[in-house]
Protein backbone atom coordinates (compact mmCIF):
# COMPACT_ATOMS: atom_id res chain seq x y z
CA MET A 1 21.95 -7.63 14.81
CA ILE A 2 19.69 -6.70 11.98
CA SER A 3 16.32 -5.61 13.10
CA PRO A 4 13.66 -8.00 11.73
CA LEU A 5 10.76 -7.46 9.59
CA TYR A 6 7.39 -7.43 11.44
CA ALA A 7 4.33 -9.31 9.82
CA ALA A 8 1.61 -10.02 11.53
CA GLU A 9 0.35 -13.62 10.26
CA ARG A 10 -2.97 -14.99 10.46
CA GLY A 11 -5.23 -18.06 8.86
CA ALA A 12 -3.97 -20.76 6.47
CA GLY A 13 -4.63 -22.02 3.11
CA PRO A 14 -3.18 -22.75 -0.04
CA LYS A 15 -2.91 -19.28 -0.59
CA ALA A 16 -1.10 -16.14 0.65
CA VAL A 17 -2.17 -12.58 0.71
CA VAL A 18 0.48 -9.83 1.78
CA PHE A 19 -0.78 -5.87 2.90
CA LEU A 20 1.62 -3.41 2.49
CA HIS A 21 0.01 -0.04 4.48
CA GLY A 22 0.59 3.65 3.26
CA PHE A 23 2.95 6.42 4.63
CA GLY A 24 2.33 6.67 8.43
CA GLY A 25 0.13 3.42 9.36
CA CYS A 26 1.44 -0.11 10.00
CA HIS A 27 0.01 -3.25 10.57
CA HIS A 28 -3.32 -2.64 12.13
CA ASP A 29 -4.47 -0.10 9.23
CA TRP A 30 -6.11 -3.96 7.87
CA HIS A 31 -7.94 -4.73 10.88
CA ALA A 32 -11.05 -4.93 9.10
CA VAL A 33 -10.02 -6.41 5.98
CA VAL A 34 -8.10 -9.43 6.98
CA PRO A 35 -10.40 -11.54 9.04
CA THR A 36 -12.59 -11.85 5.63
CA LEU A 37 -9.63 -13.17 4.00
CA ALA A 38 -7.93 -15.15 7.02
CA PRO A 39 -10.28 -18.26 7.34
CA GLY A 40 -9.39 -19.65 3.98
CA SER A 41 -5.92 -18.13 3.25
CA ARG A 42 -2.61 -17.20 5.42
CA THR A 43 -2.22 -13.57 5.66
CA LEU A 44 0.91 -11.28 6.53
CA ALA A 45 0.33 -7.60 7.23
CA TYR A 46 3.73 -6.00 7.04
CA ASP A 47 4.58 -3.09 9.13
CA LEU A 48 7.35 -1.60 6.56
CA PRO A 49 10.81 0.06 7.13
CA GLY A 50 10.35 2.61 9.35
CA HIS A 51 7.06 2.16 10.63
CA GLY A 52 5.59 0.78 13.58
CA LEU A 53 7.44 -2.72 14.99
CA SER A 54 9.83 -2.38 11.48
CA LEU A 55 11.01 1.04 12.89
CA ASP A 56 14.66 -0.05 13.58
CA PHE A 57 14.51 -2.31 10.25
CA PRO A 58 18.13 -1.17 7.75
CA GLY A 59 17.61 1.33 5.15
CA GLY A 60 13.73 2.38 6.60
CA GLY A 61 12.08 4.62 4.41
CA PRO A 62 11.56 4.55 0.61
CA ALA A 63 9.06 2.63 -1.44
CA LYS A 64 12.51 0.42 -3.14
CA ALA A 65 13.56 -0.30 0.15
CA ALA A 66 10.29 -1.38 1.52
CA ALA A 67 9.95 -3.77 -1.63
CA ARG A 68 12.98 -5.44 -1.24
CA ALA A 69 12.82 -6.19 2.41
CA VAL A 70 9.44 -7.44 1.89
CA LEU A 71 10.79 -10.05 -1.04
CA ALA A 72 13.74 -10.31 0.81
CA ASP A 73 11.43 -11.61 4.33
CA LEU A 74 9.14 -13.55 2.12
CA ALA A 75 11.74 -15.60 0.93
CA THR A 76 12.95 -16.23 4.25
CA ARG A 77 9.53 -17.54 5.08
CA LYS A 78 9.74 -19.83 1.97
CA ILE A 79 6.58 -18.35 0.69
CA ARG A 80 7.08 -18.95 -3.17
CA ARG A 81 3.89 -16.77 -4.34
CA VAL A 82 1.46 -14.20 -2.77
CA HIS A 83 -1.67 -11.86 -3.46
CA LEU A 84 -0.34 -8.88 -3.13
CA VAL A 85 -2.03 -6.00 -1.88
CA GLY A 86 -0.88 -2.35 -0.96
CA HIS A 87 -2.11 1.12 0.03
CA SER A 88 -0.72 4.57 -1.07
CA MET A 89 3.23 4.11 -0.72
CA GLY A 90 2.68 0.39 0.29
CA GLY A 91 1.02 0.52 -3.60
CA ALA A 92 4.39 1.72 -5.04
CA ALA A 93 6.30 -0.88 -3.30
CA ALA A 94 3.66 -3.35 -3.99
CA VAL A 95 4.36 -2.48 -7.52
CA LEU A 96 8.22 -2.37 -7.71
CA MET A 97 8.04 -5.67 -5.93
CA ALA A 98 5.80 -7.36 -9.33
CA LEU A 99 8.37 -5.91 -11.45
CA ALA A 100 11.24 -7.03 -9.84
CA GLU A 101 10.19 -10.24 -9.14
CA PRO A 102 6.66 -11.11 -11.16
CA GLU A 103 6.33 -14.66 -11.22
CA ARG A 104 6.10 -14.26 -7.19
CA ILE A 105 3.33 -12.50 -7.55
CA ALA A 106 -0.27 -13.74 -7.87
CA SER A 107 -2.52 -10.58 -8.16
CA LEU A 108 -1.91 -7.07 -7.53
CA THR A 109 -4.54 -5.04 -6.04
CA LEU A 110 -3.81 -1.42 -5.34
CA LEU A 111 -5.35 1.40 -3.53
CA ALA A 112 -4.56 5.16 -4.43
CA PRO A 113 -1.20 3.78 -5.28
CA GLY A 114 2.00 6.00 -4.91
CA GLY A 115 4.09 6.09 -7.95
CA PHE A 116 1.42 6.52 -10.81
CA GLY A 117 2.25 10.25 -11.19
CA THR A 118 4.17 13.11 -9.68
CA GLU A 119 1.73 14.92 -8.18
CA ILE A 120 1.45 14.95 -4.20
CA ASN A 121 0.08 16.66 -1.51
CA GLY A 122 3.56 17.52 0.04
CA PRO A 123 2.30 19.88 2.65
CA LEU A 124 -0.83 17.69 3.92
CA LEU A 125 1.61 14.62 4.49
CA ARG A 126 4.54 16.29 5.82
CA ARG A 127 1.81 17.58 8.51
CA TYR A 128 0.92 14.06 9.01
CA ALA A 129 4.13 12.64 9.31
CA ALA A 130 4.82 15.31 12.38
CA ALA A 131 1.25 14.82 14.07
CA ALA A 132 2.01 13.79 17.38
CA ASP A 133 -1.57 13.97 20.01
CA ARG A 134 -3.73 12.18 19.25
CA SER A 135 -6.09 15.44 17.96
CA GLU A 136 -3.82 16.65 15.22
CA ILE A 137 -3.90 12.35 13.78
CA ARG A 138 -7.63 12.96 13.84
CA ALA A 139 -7.60 16.32 12.00
CA CYS A 140 -5.01 14.86 9.53
CA LEU A 141 -6.53 11.74 8.74
CA ALA A 142 -10.16 13.53 8.41
CA ALA A 143 -8.11 15.80 6.06
CA MET A 144 -6.92 12.85 3.75
CA SER A 145 -10.44 11.16 4.11
CA GLY A 146 -14.01 11.76 1.96
CA PRO A 147 -16.75 14.13 2.91
CA GLN A 148 -18.51 11.60 4.73
CA SER A 149 -15.87 9.73 6.48
CA LEU A 150 -14.97 10.28 9.96
CA PRO A 151 -11.78 8.53 11.50
CA SER A 152 -12.26 5.93 13.97
CA GLN A 153 -11.28 6.29 17.78
CA ARG A 154 -9.40 2.97 17.19
CA ILE A 155 -7.16 3.72 14.76
CA VAL A 156 -6.60 7.18 15.97
CA ASP A 157 -5.68 5.58 19.37
CA VAL A 158 -3.58 2.87 17.09
CA LEU A 159 -1.56 5.95 15.79
CA GLY A 160 -0.89 7.56 18.33
CA GLU A 161 0.48 4.82 20.49
CA MET A 162 2.92 4.01 17.40
CA ARG A 163 3.66 7.74 17.25
CA ALA A 164 4.56 7.48 20.71
CA ARG A 165 7.81 5.41 20.60
CA PRO A 166 10.96 6.60 20.56
CA ARG A 167 12.15 7.78 17.22
CA GLN A 168 9.08 6.96 15.72
CA LEU A 169 8.18 10.63 14.89
CA GLN A 170 11.88 11.84 13.50
CA LYS A 171 11.47 8.74 11.05
CA LEU A 172 8.15 9.85 9.74
CA VAL A 173 8.99 13.08 9.29
CA GLU A 174 12.25 11.85 7.79
CA ILE A 175 10.48 9.67 5.21
CA ALA A 176 8.22 12.48 4.33
CA ALA A 177 10.59 15.28 3.33
CA ALA A 178 12.44 12.50 0.93
CA MET A 179 8.70 11.33 -0.63
CA THR A 180 7.76 14.51 -1.32
CA ARG A 181 10.67 16.76 -2.26
CA ASP A 182 9.84 19.83 -4.15
CA ASP A 183 5.95 18.44 -3.29
CA ARG A 184 6.64 16.06 -6.84
CA GLN A 185 6.80 12.15 -5.83
CA GLY A 186 8.83 9.97 -8.29
CA SER A 187 6.89 8.06 -11.05
CA ILE A 188 6.87 4.65 -12.19
CA PRO A 189 6.98 4.84 -16.21
CA ARG A 190 3.80 3.23 -18.13
CA GLU A 191 5.83 1.26 -20.16
CA ARG A 192 7.01 -0.86 -17.34
CA LEU A 193 3.34 -1.07 -15.77
CA GLU A 194 2.50 -2.59 -19.41
CA THR A 195 4.85 -5.39 -18.56
CA LEU A 196 2.73 -6.67 -15.83
CA THR A 197 0.69 -9.86 -16.53
CA MET A 198 -0.66 -10.95 -13.57
CA PRO A 199 -4.09 -9.57 -12.56
CA VAL A 200 -3.96 -5.63 -11.27
CA MET A 201 -6.65 -3.70 -9.65
CA VAL A 202 -6.71 -0.26 -9.00
CA VAL A 203 -8.98 1.20 -6.52
CA TRP A 204 -9.37 5.01 -6.16
CA GLY A 205 -11.31 7.42 -4.38
CA VAL A 206 -12.36 10.14 -5.78
CA ASP A 207 -12.47 12.94 -2.89
CA ASP A 208 -8.60 11.93 -2.91
CA ALA A 209 -6.56 14.85 -1.35
CA VAL A 210 -3.24 13.21 -0.85
CA LEU A 211 -3.01 11.72 -4.48
CA PRO A 212 -5.35 12.75 -7.47
CA PHE A 213 -7.88 10.09 -8.89
CA THR A 214 -6.78 10.96 -12.27
CA GLN A 215 -3.94 9.61 -11.69
CA ALA A 216 -5.06 6.27 -12.79
CA ASP A 217 -6.28 7.80 -15.88
CA ALA A 218 -4.15 6.20 -19.24
CA LEU A 219 -3.43 2.98 -17.42
CA PRO A 220 -2.40 -0.25 -19.13
CA ALA A 221 -5.38 -1.78 -20.91
CA HIS A 222 -5.80 -4.68 -19.28
CA PHE A 223 -5.57 -3.64 -15.84
CA HIS A 224 -9.20 -2.68 -13.91
CA LEU A 225 -9.96 0.24 -12.64
CA HIS A 226 -12.62 1.27 -9.85
CA HIS A 227 -13.19 4.17 -8.52
CA VAL A 228 -15.12 4.85 -4.99
CA LEU A 229 -17.80 7.66 -5.21
CA GLU A 230 -17.33 9.90 -2.11
CA ALA A 231 -13.92 8.38 -0.72
CA GLY A 232 -10.58 9.75 0.21
CA HIS A 233 -7.28 8.88 0.47
CA MET A 234 -7.85 6.33 3.30
CA LEU A 235 -9.91 3.59 1.35
CA VAL A 236 -8.79 0.75 4.38
CA GLU A 237 -10.15 2.80 6.61
CA GLU A 238 -13.23 4.17 4.74
CA ALA A 239 -14.40 1.32 2.93
CA PRO A 240 -13.27 -2.28 4.36
CA GLY A 241 -15.84 -4.36 3.49
CA LEU A 242 -15.53 -2.76 -0.28
CA ILE A 243 -11.83 -3.65 -0.18
CA ALA A 244 -11.71 -7.06 1.18
CA GLY A 245 -14.48 -7.99 -1.74
CA ILE A 246 -12.31 -6.57 -4.59
CA VAL A 247 -9.25 -8.14 -3.22
CA HIS A 248 -11.18 -11.23 -2.85
CA ARG A 249 -12.50 -11.08 -6.80
CA ASN A 250 -9.33 -10.01 -7.96
CA MET A 251 -7.43 -12.95 -6.59
CA LYS A 252 -9.87 -14.82 -8.51
CA ARG A 253 -8.81 -13.67 -11.87
CA ARG A 254 -6.32 -15.33 -14.33
CA SER A 255 -3.08 -14.10 -15.48
CA ARG A 256 -3.22 -12.26 -18.60
CA PRO A 257 -0.83 -14.40 -21.42
CA LEU A 258 2.47 -12.45 -22.23
CA ARG A 259 2.48 -12.09 -25.82
CA PRO A 260 5.62 -12.98 -27.88
CA LYS A 261 7.70 -10.18 -28.82
CA SER A 262 7.42 -11.20 -32.61
CA ALA A 263 3.43 -11.32 -32.25
CA ALA A 264 3.71 -7.54 -29.98
CA ALA A 265 5.45 -6.16 -33.41
CA ASN A 266 2.73 -6.86 -35.83
């Protein structure tokens, strides 16, 4: 029997909002963001393959596998169109979902997304993957956060409980090794990003120690970019109110008209 992909579902309404956490996280990462959107929207916060309650989902690991898994799960739930929010590795998966089935994505909010450049802090991510006790988890989170941010006890406890499950640490170590091979990450070509017509918002902390915020340079002109001062990589934990507001605003924006090929050539 195939292990199902887990999603924490909340709220009801005509709009569906999907949240994809970063590497080493889980659906609990969004606990302070989801409540602001759930009253008027249906929200689904996933555990990506290889993480949390989706640990045993087949093929868990790469962003491509996560993108395929979430799209298939949404189809099973008969959810035709969603507003998509992704952090880090979840951001890379969100972009791949939008490229694969753009008609299903109403808006795209990307928080320090993976895949926008080849640079990545491999040693820190591999250390985070192997962190088992709470003191080491806290130290890794602090290293990935901005200078003014301290990891909350809540998230340290959540991640500690997740990593205490059988095979979870081993899986994270495997994913991190594949994701940071030669201390580089795979990148999504800029010309592919140009094809996205839904509203796209990119949010990046200027003190990101995992993925440099300069990876947002030279993005397509129709992408909106928001730099967060004194914030690091863990934006969902560091500035949940700001993130919730940005997601809400991006959901209200309109898609960019698709230019005919003949017009684009002129």
